[in-house]
PDB file of N, CA and C in Angstrom:
ATOM      1  N   UNK A   1       0.686  -0.977  -0.035  1.00  0.00           N
ATOM      2  CA  UNK A   1       0.008  -0.019   0.115  1.00  0.00           C
ATOM      3  C   UNK A   1       1.106   1.301   0.049  1.00  0.00           C
ATOM      4  N   UNK A   2       0.584   2.187  -0.803  1.00  0.00           N
ATOM      5  CA  UNK A   2       1.423   3.330  -1.046  1.00  0.00           C
ATOM      6  C   UNK A   2       0.463   4.551  -0.792  1.00  0.00           C
ATOM      7  N   UNK A   3       1.010   5.423   0.325  1.00  0.00           N
ATOM      8  CA  UNK A   3       0.305   6.505   0.559  1.00  0.00           C
ATOM      9  C   UNK A   3       0.923   7.651  -0.062  1.00  0.00           C
ATOM     10  N   UNK A   4       0.399   8.509  -0.698  1.00  0.00           N
ATOM     11  CA  UNK A   4       1.076   9.825  -1.528  1.00  0.00           C
ATOM     12  C   UNK A   4       0.910  10.855  -0.372  1.00  0.00           C
ATOM     13  N   UNK A   5       2.107  11.492  -0.450  1.00  0.00           N
ATOM     14  CA  UNK A   5       2.253  12.849   0.223  1.00  0.00           C
ATOM     15  C   UNK A   5       1.211  13.855  -0.482  1.00  0.00           C
ATOM     16  N   UNK A   6       0.782  15.036   0.175  1.00  0.00           N
ATOM     17  CA  UNK A   6       0.020  16.037  -0.514  1.00  0.00           C
ATOM     18  C   UNK A   6       0.836  16.558  -1.662  1.00  0.00           C
ATOM     19  N   UNK A   7       2.307  16.705  -1.688  1.00  0.00           N
ATOM     20  CA  UNK A   7       2.920  17.209  -2.766  1.00  0.00           C
ATOM     21  C   UNK A   7       2.764  16.284  -4.057  1.00  0.00           C
ATOM     22  N   UNK A   8       2.757  15.104  -3.547  1.00  0.00           N
ATOM     23  CA  UNK A   8       2.444  14.150  -4.616  1.00  0.00           C
ATOM     24  C   UNK A   8       0.807  14.203  -5.307  1.00  0.00           C
ATOM     25  N   UNK A   9       0.291  14.333  -4.500  1.00  0.00           N
ATOM     26  CA  UNK A   9      -1.288  14.398  -4.826  1.00  0.00           C
ATOM     27  C   UNK A   9      -1.566  15.769  -5.649  1.00  0.00           C
ATOM     28  N   UNK A  10      -0.803  16.732  -5.265  1.00  0.00           N
ATOM     29  CA  UNK A  10      -1.118  18.242  -6.138  1.00  0.00           C
ATOM     30  C   UNK A  10      -0.425  17.958  -7.451  1.00  0.00           C
ATOM     31  N   UNK A  11       0.626  17.221  -7.301  1.00  0.00           N
ATOM     32  CA  UNK A  11       1.621  17.085  -8.729  1.00  0.00           C
ATOM     33  C   UNK A  11       0.614  16.141  -9.696  1.00  0.00           C
ATOM     34  N   UNK A  12       0.186  15.094  -9.119  1.00  0.00           N
ATOM     35  CA  UNK A  12      -0.900  14.210  -9.780  1.00  0.00           C
ATOM     36  C   UNK A  12      -1.964  14.904 -10.407  1.00  0.00           C
ATOM     37  N   UNK A  13      -2.400  15.807  -9.776  1.00  0.00           N
ATOM     38  CA  UNK A  13      -3.705  16.673 -10.197  1.00  0.00           C
ATOM     39  C   UNK A  13      -3.152  17.623 -11.325  1.00  0.00           C
ATOM     40  N   UNK A  14      -1.888  18.110 -10.974  1.00  0.00           N
ATOM     41  CA  UNK A  14      -1.452  19.110 -12.119  1.00  0.00           C
ATOM     42  C   UNK A  14      -1.081  18.405 -13.075  1.00  0.00           C
ATOM     43  N   UNK A  15      -0.263  17.296 -13.080  1.00  0.00           N
ATOM     44  CA  UNK A  15       0.291  16.804 -14.230  1.00  0.00           C
ATOM     45  C   UNK A  15      -1.013  16.153 -15.198  1.00  0.00           C
ATOM     46  N   UNK A  16      -1.972  15.457 -14.503  1.00  0.00           N
ATOM     47  CA  UNK A  16      -3.390  15.150 -15.403  1.00  0.00           C
ATOM     48  C   UNK A  16      -3.973  16.319 -15.923  1.00  0.00           C
ATOM     49  N   UNK A  17      -4.021  17.437 -15.386  1.00  0.00           N
ATOM     50  CA  UNK A  17      -4.501  18.645 -15.855  1.00  0.00           C
ATOM     51  C   UNK A  17      -3.911  19.275 -17.193  1.00  0.00           C
ATOM     52  N   UNK A  18      -2.395  19.243 -17.178  1.00  0.00           N
ATOM     53  CA  UNK A  18      -1.503  19.611 -18.102  1.00  0.00           C
ATOM     54  C   UNK A  18      -1.825  18.600 -19.181  1.00  0.00           C
ATOM     55  N   UNK A  19      -1.707  17.169 -19.020  1.00  0.00           N
ATOM     56  CA  UNK A  19      -2.003  16.182 -20.063  1.00  0.00           C
ATOM     57  C   UNK A  19      -3.296  16.615 -20.824  1.00  0.00           C
ATOM     58  N   UNK A  20      -4.450  16.671 -19.960  1.00  0.00           N
ATOM     59  CA  UNK A  20      -5.868  16.654 -20.531  1.00  0.00           C
ATOM     60  C   UNK A  20      -6.119  18.070 -21.055  1.00  0.00           C
ATOM     61  N   UNK A  21      -5.303  19.061 -21.010  1.00  0.00           N
ATOM     62  CA  UNK A  21      -5.574  20.237 -21.673  1.00  0.00           C
ATOM     63  C   UNK A  21      -6.286  21.363 -20.654  1.00  0.00           C
ATOM     64  N   UNK A  22      -6.687  20.693 -19.552  1.00  0.00           N
ATOM     65  CA  UNK A  22      -7.339  21.574 -18.387  1.00  0.00           C
ATOM     66  C   UNK A  22      -6.674  23.109 -18.135  1.00  0.00           C
ATOM     67  N   UNK A  23      -5.131  22.786 -18.206  1.00  0.00           N
ATOM     68  CA  UNK A  23      -4.274  23.865 -18.234  1.00  0.00           C
ATOM     69  C   UNK A  23      -3.520  24.108 -19.286  1.00  0.00           C
ATOM     70  N   UNK A  24      -4.071  25.030 -20.246  1.00  0.00           N
ATOM     71  CA  UNK A  24      -3.255  25.033 -21.491  1.00  0.00           C
ATOM     72  C   UNK A  24      -2.022  25.420 -21.583  1.00  0.00           C
ATOM     73  N   UNK A  25      -1.121  25.102 -22.834  1.00  0.00           N
ATOM     74  CA  UNK A  25       0.155  25.330 -23.090  1.00  0.00           C
ATOM     75  C   UNK A  25       0.360  26.895 -22.855  1.00  0.00           C
ATOM     76  N   UNK A  26       1.311  27.299 -21.866  1.00  0.00           N
ATOM     77  CA  UNK A  26       1.642  28.744 -21.762  1.00  0.00           C
ATOM     78  C   UNK A  26       0.919  29.367 -20.597  1.00  0.00           C
ATOM     79  N   UNK A  27      -0.257  28.637 -19.935  1.00  0.00           N
ATOM     80  CA  UNK A  27      -0.904  29.315 -18.965  1.00  0.00           C
ATOM     81  C   UNK A  27       0.036  29.218 -17.605  1.00  0.00           C
ATOM     82  N   UNK A  28      -0.432  30.305 -16.990  1.00  0.00           N
ATOM     83  CA  UNK A  28       0.363  30.556 -15.529  1.00  0.00           C
ATOM     84  C   UNK A  28      -0.493  29.814 -14.598  1.00  0.00           C
ATOM     85  N   UNK A  29       0.598  29.134 -13.957  1.00  0.00           N
ATOM     86  CA  UNK A  29       0.084  28.001 -12.963  1.00  0.00           C
ATOM     87  C   UNK A  29       0.034  28.902 -11.518  1.00  0.00           C
ATOM     88  N   UNK A  30      -0.742  29.574 -10.812  1.00  0.00           N
ATOM     89  CA  UNK A  30      -0.796  30.586  -9.855  1.00  0.00           C
ATOM     90  C   UNK A  30      -1.017  29.508  -8.561  1.00  0.00           C
ATOM     91  N   UNK A  31       0.119  29.741  -7.652  1.00  0.00           N
ATOM     92  CA  UNK A  31      -0.046  28.933  -6.692  1.00  0.00           C
ATOM     93  C   UNK A  31      -1.291  29.100  -5.613  1.00  0.00           C
ATOM     94  N   UNK A  32      -1.560  30.132  -5.256  1.00  0.00           N
ATOM     95  CA  UNK A  32      -2.572  30.376  -4.314  1.00  0.00           C
ATOM     96  C   UNK A  32      -3.952  30.023  -4.975  1.00  0.00           C
ATOM     97  N   UNK A  33      -4.314  30.227  -6.289  1.00  0.00           N
ATOM     98  CA  UNK A  33      -5.503  29.460  -7.030  1.00  0.00           C
ATOM     99  C   UNK A  33      -5.560  28.128  -6.759  1.00  0.00           C
ATOM    100  N   UNK A  34      -4.367  27.655  -7.118  1.00  0.00           N
ATOM    101  CA  UNK A  34      -4.304  26.112  -7.080  1.00  0.00           C
ATOM    102  C   UNK A  34      -4.527  25.364  -5.621  1.00  0.00           C
ATOM    103  N   UNK A  35      -3.863  26.109  -4.651  1.00  0.00           N
ATOM    104  CA  UNK A  35      -4.110  25.652  -3.241  1.00  0.00           C
ATOM    105  C   UNK A  35      -5.597  25.809  -2.713  1.00  0.00           C
ATOM    106  N   UNK A  36      -6.244  27.216  -3.280  1.00  0.00           N
ATOM    107  CA  UNK A  36      -7.430  27.085  -3.051  1.00  0.00           C
ATOM    108  C   UNK A  36      -8.495  26.180  -3.360  1.00  0.00           C
ATOM    109  N   UNK A  37      -8.196  25.753  -4.714  1.00  0.00           N
ATOM    110  CA  UNK A  37      -9.070  24.767  -5.450  1.00  0.00           C
ATOM    111  C   UNK A  37      -8.897  23.488  -4.778  1.00  0.00           C
ATOM    112  N   UNK A  38      -7.645  23.147  -4.453  1.00  0.00           N
ATOM    113  CA  UNK A  38      -7.381  22.006  -3.678  1.00  0.00           C
ATOM    114  C   UNK A  38      -7.632  21.835  -2.144  1.00  0.00           C
ATOM    115  N   UNK A  39      -8.050  22.920  -1.799  1.00  0.00           N
ATOM    116  CA  UNK A  39      -8.280  23.092  -0.255  1.00  0.00           C
ATOM    117  C   UNK A  39      -6.915  22.728   0.368  1.00  0.00           C
ATOM    118  N   UNK A  40      -5.626  23.182   0.120  1.00  0.00           N
ATOM    119  CA  UNK A  40      -4.450  22.919   0.899  1.00  0.00           C
ATOM    120  C   UNK A  40      -3.501  24.208   1.004  1.00  0.00           C
ATOM    121  N   UNK A  41      -2.715  24.084   1.651  1.00  0.00           N
ATOM    122  CA  UNK A  41      -1.960  25.451   1.786  1.00  0.00           C
ATOM    123  C   UNK A  41      -0.956  25.522   0.488  1.00  0.00           C
ATOM    124  N   UNK A  42      -0.195  26.515   0.497  1.00  0.00           N
ATOM    125  CA  UNK A  42       0.719  26.870  -0.784  1.00  0.00           C
ATOM    126  C   UNK A  42       1.764  25.915  -0.732  1.00  0.00           C
ATOM    127  N   UNK A  43       2.590  25.521   0.455  1.00  0.00           N
ATOM    128  CA  UNK A  43       3.617  24.753   0.536  1.00  0.00           C
ATOM    129  C   UNK A  43       3.534  23.443  -0.533  1.00  0.00           C
ATOM    130  N   UNK A  44       2.519  22.655  -0.380  1.00  0.00           N
ATOM    131  CA  UNK A  44       2.576  21.558  -1.118  1.00  0.00           C
ATOM    132  C   UNK A  44       2.398  21.898  -2.383  1.00  0.00           C
ATOM    133  N   UNK A  45       1.755  22.988  -2.956  1.00  0.00           N
ATOM    134  CA  UNK A  45       1.764  23.353  -4.394  1.00  0.00           C
ATOM    135  C   UNK A  45       2.984  23.887  -4.859  1.00  0.00           C
ATOM    136  N   UNK A  46       3.661  24.631  -3.879  1.00  0.00           N
ATOM    137  CA  UNK A  46       4.949  24.778  -4.310  1.00  0.00           C
ATOM    138  C   UNK A  46       6.084  23.790  -4.613  1.00  0.00           C
ATOM    139  N   UNK A  47       6.094  22.723  -3.644  1.00  0.00           N
ATOM    140  CA  UNK A  47       6.816  21.762  -3.932  1.00  0.00           C
ATOM    141  C   UNK A  47       6.353  20.831  -5.134  1.00  0.00           C
ATOM    142  N   UNK A  48       4.967  20.611  -5.305  1.00  0.00           N
ATOM    143  CA  UNK A  48       4.635  19.952  -6.472  1.00  0.00           C
ATOM    144  C   UNK A  48       5.167  20.517  -7.697  1.00  0.00           C
ATOM    145  N   UNK A  49       5.160  22.025  -7.861  1.00  0.00           N
ATOM    146  CA  UNK A  49       5.387  22.678  -8.943  1.00  0.00           C
ATOM    147  C   UNK A  49       6.989  22.245  -9.364  1.00  0.00           C
ATOM    148  N   UNK A  50       7.567  22.258  -8.222  1.00  0.00           N
ATOM    149  CA  UNK A  50       9.216  21.801  -8.331  1.00  0.00           C
ATOM    150  C   UNK A  50       9.347  20.690  -9.033  1.00  0.00           C
ATOM    151  N   UNK A  51       8.546  19.783  -8.334  1.00  0.00           N
ATOM    152  CA  UNK A  51       8.524  18.303  -8.949  1.00  0.00           C
ATOM    153  C   UNK A  51       8.360  18.239 -10.477  1.00  0.00           C
ATOM    154  N   UNK A  52       7.360  19.037 -10.751  1.00  0.00           N
ATOM    155  CA  UNK A  52       6.948  19.119 -12.523  1.00  0.00           C
ATOM    156  C   UNK A  52       7.855  19.753 -13.148  1.00  0.00           C
ATOM    157  N   UNK A  53       8.723  20.842 -12.533  1.00  0.00           N
ATOM    158  CA  UNK A  53       9.577  21.495 -13.464  1.00  0.00           C
ATOM    159  C   UNK A  53      10.937  20.382 -13.777  1.00  0.00           C
ATOM    160  N   UNK A  54      11.205  19.592 -12.604  1.00  0.00           N
ATOM    161  CA  UNK A  54      12.153  18.645 -12.692  1.00  0.00           C
ATOM    162  C   UNK A  54      11.755  17.597 -13.671  1.00  0.00           C
ATOM    163  N   UNK A  55      10.632  17.265 -13.970  1.00  0.00           N
ATOM    164  CA  UNK A  55      10.219  16.318 -14.940  1.00  0.00           C
ATOM    165  C   UNK A  55       9.812  16.857 -16.251  1.00  0.00           C
ATOM    166  N   UNK A  56       9.820  18.267 -16.075  1.00  0.00           N
ATOM    167  CA  UNK A  56       9.609  18.812 -17.659  1.00  0.00           C
ATOM    168  C   UNK A  56       8.295  19.153 -17.915  1.00  0.00           C
ATOM    169  N   UNK A  57       7.286  19.204 -17.223  1.00  0.00           N
ATOM    170  CA  UNK A  57       5.992  19.433 -17.558  1.00  0.00           C
ATOM    171  C   UNK A  57       5.675  21.034 -17.459  1.00  0.00           C
ATOM    172  N   UNK A  58       6.459  21.665 -16.575  1.00  0.00           N
ATOM    173  CA  UNK A  58       6.294  23.077 -16.430  1.00  0.00           C
ATOM    174  C   UNK A  58       7.591  23.813 -16.444  1.00  0.00           C
ATOM    175  N   UNK A  59       7.628  25.018 -16.780  1.00  0.00           N
ATOM    176  CA  UNK A  59       8.899  25.877 -16.495  1.00  0.00           C
ATOM    177  C   UNK A  59       8.652  26.947 -15.315  1.00  0.00           C
ATOM    178  N   UNK A  60       9.929  27.072 -14.746  1.00  0.00           N
ATOM    179  CA  UNK A  60       9.617  28.081 -13.485  1.00  0.00           C
ATOM    180  C   UNK A  60      10.627  29.142 -13.733  1.00  0.00           C
ATOM    181  N   UNK A  61      10.062  30.111 -13.132  1.00  0.00           N
ATOM    182  CA  UNK A  61      10.776  31.538 -13.390  1.00  0.00           C
ATOM    183  C   UNK A  61      10.576  32.201 -11.860  1.00  0.00           C
ATOM    184  N   UNK A  62      11.682  32.596 -11.443  1.00  0.00           N
ATOM    185  CA  UNK A  62      11.729  33.176  -9.998  1.00  0.00           C
ATOM    186  C   UNK A  62      10.820  34.443  -9.847  1.00  0.00           C
ATOM    187  N   UNK A  63      10.458  34.938 -11.131  1.00  0.00           N
ATOM    188  CA  UNK A  63       9.800  36.423 -11.179  1.00  0.00           C
ATOM    189  C   UNK A  63       8.434  36.017 -11.768  1.00  0.00           C
ATOM    190  N   UNK A  64       8.294  35.272 -12.525  1.00  0.00           N
ATOM    191  CA  UNK A  64       7.011  35.149 -13.289  1.00  0.00           C
ATOM    192  C   UNK A  64       6.007  34.020 -12.767  1.00  0.00           C
ATOM    193  N   UNK A  65       6.787  32.818 -12.174  1.00  0.00           N
ATOM    194  CA  UNK A  65       6.115  31.850 -11.412  1.00  0.00           C
ATOM    195  C   UNK A  65       6.175  30.645 -12.310  1.00  0.00           C
ATOM    196  N   UNK A  66       5.367  29.568 -12.345  1.00  0.00           N
ATOM    197  CA  UNK A  66       5.444  28.451 -13.077  1.00  0.00           C
ATOM    198  C   UNK A  66       4.508  28.587 -14.085  1.00  0.00           C
ATOM    199  N   UNK A  67       4.856  27.990 -15.505  1.00  0.00           N
ATOM    200  CA  UNK A  67       4.127  28.155 -16.682  1.00  0.00           C
ATOM    201  C   UNK A  67       3.840  26.773 -17.454  1.00  0.00           C
TER     202      UNK A  67
END
């Protein structure tokens, strides 16, 4: 049995949304909006975005955020 962390759950949600087109190419992924949507704090969202940057699903910019 594998329990997923909040970061993994958020990353799965975002990954599926990117693949399905829920988040169009080039769309900004706003941490607070995602956190509110998933009823979680910003920290798991931030960590999930870092995971997706490492996987190549999103690009990260210190000033513009994740795209």
